[in-house]
Amino acid sequence: MPSALCYQRASAEQWVEHFCLVNPTCHVTTEEEASAAAKEDLDGAFAVKAHGGSDKEVAEFLRSKGYVNVDGFQRATE
């Protein structure tokens, strides 16, 4: 599933994991396909912002693509 780990600035030099968005409506077979789909969706969301859209409109764009916030997420590590 496409996903995006979102960060929040903790200090001038540090970012911390803040929340995770996942699109459970988009099923792909490889991690590469999931990453590509998430990148395409994020590019679309930030294009909305670049054309004068608000943060709310960015969130609404991603919601319209099927993204939801995951409570209690854990980042996968190798």
N, C-alpha and C. Protein backbone atom coordinates (compact mmCIF):
# COMPACT_ATOMS: atom_id res chain seq x y z
N MET A 1 0.84 -1.18 0.00
CA MET A 1 0.00 0.00 0.00
C MET A 1 0.88 1.24 0.00
N PRO A 2 0.52 2.25 -0.76
CA PRO A 2 1.26 3.50 -0.70
C PRO A 2 1.16 4.11 0.70
N SER A 3 2.27 4.66 1.17
CA SER A 3 2.26 5.28 2.49
C SER A 3 3.26 6.42 2.52
N ALA A 4 3.08 7.31 3.48
CA ALA A 4 3.97 8.45 3.66
C ALA A 4 4.16 8.69 5.14
N LEU A 5 5.40 8.67 5.56
CA LEU A 5 5.74 8.98 6.94
C LEU A 5 6.01 10.48 7.01
N CYS A 6 5.28 11.18 7.84
CA CYS A 6 5.36 12.63 7.91
C CYS A 6 6.10 13.04 9.18
N TYR A 7 6.93 14.04 9.04
CA TYR A 7 7.80 14.48 10.13
C TYR A 7 7.39 15.86 10.63
N GLN A 8 7.79 16.15 11.86
CA GLN A 8 7.55 17.44 12.49
C GLN A 8 8.89 17.95 13.01
N ARG A 9 9.14 19.24 12.83
CA ARG A 9 10.39 19.82 13.32
C ARG A 9 10.37 19.87 14.84
N ALA A 10 11.37 19.23 15.46
CA ALA A 10 11.48 19.23 16.92
C ALA A 10 12.40 20.35 17.39
N SER A 11 13.35 20.71 16.55
CA SER A 11 14.27 21.81 16.83
C SER A 11 14.82 22.28 15.50
N ALA A 12 15.69 23.27 15.54
CA ALA A 12 16.25 23.81 14.30
C ALA A 12 16.98 22.75 13.48
N GLU A 13 17.49 21.72 14.14
CA GLU A 13 18.28 20.71 13.44
C GLU A 13 17.72 19.29 13.56
N GLN A 14 16.51 19.15 14.08
CA GLN A 14 15.98 17.80 14.29
C GLN A 14 14.53 17.69 13.85
N TRP A 15 14.24 16.61 13.15
CA TRP A 15 12.89 16.27 12.74
C TRP A 15 12.51 14.95 13.40
N VAL A 16 11.28 14.80 13.83
CA VAL A 16 10.81 13.56 14.44
C VAL A 16 9.57 13.06 13.69
N GLU A 17 9.38 11.74 13.73
CA GLU A 17 8.20 11.16 13.10
C GLU A 17 6.95 11.70 13.78
N HIS A 18 5.99 12.14 12.96
CA HIS A 18 4.79 12.78 13.50
C HIS A 18 3.54 11.93 13.24
N PHE A 19 3.31 11.55 12.00
CA PHE A 19 2.18 10.68 11.68
C PHE A 19 2.46 9.95 10.38
N CYS A 20 1.65 8.94 10.13
CA CYS A 20 1.81 8.12 8.93
C CYS A 20 0.48 8.07 8.19
N LEU A 21 0.55 8.30 6.88
CA LEU A 21 -0.62 8.18 6.02
C LEU A 21 -0.47 6.93 5.17
N VAL A 22 -1.56 6.20 5.03
CA VAL A 22 -1.57 4.97 4.23
C VAL A 22 -2.81 4.99 3.35
N ASN A 23 -2.65 4.48 2.13
CA ASN A 23 -3.80 4.38 1.23
C ASN A 23 -4.20 2.91 1.09
N PRO A 24 -5.13 2.44 1.93
CA PRO A 24 -5.54 1.04 1.87
C PRO A 24 -6.40 0.69 0.66
N THR A 25 -6.80 1.68 -0.12
CA THR A 25 -7.62 1.42 -1.30
C THR A 25 -6.78 1.12 -2.53
N CYS A 26 -5.47 1.33 -2.44
CA CYS A 26 -4.57 1.13 -3.58
C CYS A 26 -3.71 -0.10 -3.31
N HIS A 27 -3.94 -1.15 -4.07
CA HIS A 27 -3.21 -2.39 -3.85
C HIS A 27 -2.21 -2.59 -4.99
N VAL A 28 -0.95 -2.72 -4.64
CA VAL A 28 0.12 -2.97 -5.59
C VAL A 28 0.90 -4.19 -5.11
N THR A 29 1.76 -4.71 -5.97
CA THR A 29 2.43 -5.96 -5.61
C THR A 29 3.86 -5.78 -5.12
N THR A 30 4.46 -4.61 -5.36
CA THR A 30 5.84 -4.42 -4.92
C THR A 30 5.99 -3.13 -4.13
N GLU A 31 7.04 -3.09 -3.34
CA GLU A 31 7.36 -1.87 -2.58
C GLU A 31 7.65 -0.71 -3.52
N GLU A 32 8.29 -1.00 -4.64
CA GLU A 32 8.61 0.05 -5.61
C GLU A 32 7.34 0.67 -6.19
N GLU A 33 6.34 -0.17 -6.49
CA GLU A 33 5.08 0.35 -7.00
C GLU A 33 4.37 1.19 -5.95
N ALA A 34 4.42 0.75 -4.70
CA ALA A 34 3.78 1.51 -3.61
C ALA A 34 4.47 2.86 -3.44
N SER A 35 5.80 2.86 -3.48
CA SER A 35 6.54 4.12 -3.36
C SER A 35 6.23 5.06 -4.51
N ALA A 36 6.17 4.53 -5.71
CA ALA A 36 5.87 5.35 -6.89
C ALA A 36 4.46 5.95 -6.80
N ALA A 37 3.50 5.14 -6.34
CA ALA A 37 2.13 5.64 -6.20
C ALA A 37 2.06 6.73 -5.14
N ALA A 38 2.74 6.52 -4.02
CA ALA A 38 2.74 7.54 -2.95
C ALA A 38 3.39 8.82 -3.44
N LYS A 39 4.50 8.70 -4.18
CA LYS A 39 5.18 9.89 -4.71
C LYS A 39 4.27 10.65 -5.66
N GLU A 40 3.58 9.93 -6.53
CA GLU A 40 2.66 10.58 -7.47
C GLU A 40 1.55 11.32 -6.72
N ASP A 41 1.00 10.68 -5.71
CA ASP A 41 -0.08 11.31 -4.93
C ASP A 41 0.43 12.52 -4.15
N LEU A 42 1.61 12.40 -3.55
CA LEU A 42 2.18 13.54 -2.82
C LEU A 42 2.53 14.68 -3.76
N ASP A 43 3.06 14.35 -4.94
CA ASP A 43 3.33 15.40 -5.93
C ASP A 43 2.05 16.14 -6.30
N GLY A 44 0.96 15.39 -6.47
CA GLY A 44 -0.33 16.01 -6.77
C GLY A 44 -0.82 16.89 -5.64
N ALA A 45 -0.64 16.43 -4.41
CA ALA A 45 -1.08 17.21 -3.25
C ALA A 45 -0.28 18.50 -3.13
N PHE A 46 1.02 18.41 -3.33
CA PHE A 46 1.83 19.61 -3.20
C PHE A 46 1.71 20.54 -4.40
N ALA A 47 1.24 20.02 -5.53
CA ALA A 47 0.92 20.89 -6.67
C ALA A 47 -0.28 21.77 -6.31
N VAL A 48 -1.22 21.20 -5.56
CA VAL A 48 -2.37 21.99 -5.07
C VAL A 48 -1.84 23.14 -4.22
N LYS A 49 -0.91 22.84 -3.34
CA LYS A 49 -0.33 23.86 -2.45
C LYS A 49 0.43 24.91 -3.27
N ALA A 50 1.18 24.46 -4.27
CA ALA A 50 1.97 25.38 -5.09
C ALA A 50 1.09 26.34 -5.88
N HIS A 51 -0.14 25.94 -6.15
CA HIS A 51 -1.06 26.80 -6.89
C HIS A 51 -1.96 27.60 -5.95
N GLY A 52 -1.49 27.84 -4.74
CA GLY A 52 -2.22 28.68 -3.81
C GLY A 52 -3.14 27.95 -2.86
N GLY A 53 -3.07 26.63 -2.86
CA GLY A 53 -3.93 25.86 -1.97
C GLY A 53 -3.45 25.90 -0.53
N SER A 54 -4.35 25.62 0.37
CA SER A 54 -4.04 25.63 1.80
C SER A 54 -3.61 24.23 2.24
N ASP A 55 -3.11 24.14 3.47
CA ASP A 55 -2.77 22.83 4.04
C ASP A 55 -4.01 21.95 4.10
N LYS A 56 -5.15 22.55 4.37
CA LYS A 56 -6.40 21.79 4.42
C LYS A 56 -6.69 21.19 3.04
N GLU A 57 -6.46 21.94 1.99
CA GLU A 57 -6.70 21.43 0.64
C GLU A 57 -5.73 20.30 0.28
N VAL A 58 -4.50 20.39 0.78
CA VAL A 58 -3.54 19.31 0.58
C VAL A 58 -4.07 18.04 1.25
N ALA A 59 -4.53 18.17 2.49
CA ALA A 59 -5.08 17.03 3.22
C ALA A 59 -6.32 16.47 2.52
N GLU A 60 -7.18 17.34 2.04
CA GLU A 60 -8.39 16.90 1.34
C GLU A 60 -8.05 16.16 0.05
N PHE A 61 -7.01 16.62 -0.65
CA PHE A 61 -6.57 15.96 -1.87
C PHE A 61 -6.14 14.52 -1.54
N LEU A 62 -5.31 14.38 -0.51
CA LEU A 62 -4.85 13.04 -0.13
C LEU A 62 -6.00 12.17 0.36
N ARG A 63 -6.92 12.74 1.09
CA ARG A 63 -8.09 12.00 1.56
C ARG A 63 -8.91 11.52 0.36
N SER A 64 -9.03 12.36 -0.66
CA SER A 64 -9.80 11.97 -1.84
C SER A 64 -9.14 10.82 -2.60
N LYS A 65 -7.84 10.65 -2.42
CA LYS A 65 -7.11 9.54 -3.04
C LYS A 65 -7.23 8.26 -2.22
N GLY A 66 -7.75 8.38 -1.00
CA GLY A 66 -7.95 7.21 -0.16
C GLY A 66 -7.04 7.11 1.05
N TYR A 67 -6.21 8.14 1.29
CA TYR A 67 -5.26 8.09 2.42
C TYR A 67 -5.97 8.30 3.75
N VAL A 68 -5.51 7.55 4.74
CA VAL A 68 -5.99 7.69 6.11
C VAL A 68 -4.79 7.73 7.04
N ASN A 69 -4.98 8.31 8.20
CA ASN A 69 -3.94 8.37 9.23
C ASN A 69 -3.91 7.04 9.98
N VAL A 70 -2.72 6.55 10.26
CA VAL A 70 -2.57 5.29 11.00
C VAL A 70 -2.18 5.61 12.44
N ASP A 71 -3.04 5.26 13.38
CA ASP A 71 -2.72 5.45 14.80
C ASP A 71 -1.75 4.37 15.25
N GLY A 72 -0.78 4.74 16.07
CA GLY A 72 0.15 3.78 16.64
C GLY A 72 1.05 3.12 15.62
N PHE A 73 1.38 3.82 14.55
CA PHE A 73 2.21 3.23 13.49
C PHE A 73 3.61 2.90 14.01
N GLN A 74 4.24 1.96 13.35
CA GLN A 74 5.64 1.63 13.60
C GLN A 74 6.33 1.57 12.25
N ARG A 75 7.44 2.27 12.13
CA ARG A 75 8.20 2.29 10.88
C ARG A 75 8.88 0.95 10.69
N ALA A 76 8.76 0.41 9.48
CA ALA A 76 9.44 -0.85 9.16
C ALA A 76 10.92 -0.58 8.98
N THR A 77 11.73 -1.44 9.53
CA THR A 77 13.18 -1.32 9.37
C THR A 77 13.72 -2.66 8.90
N GLU A 78 14.86 -2.59 8.26
CA GLU A 78 15.48 -3.84 7.78
C GLU A 78 16.44 -4.38 8.80
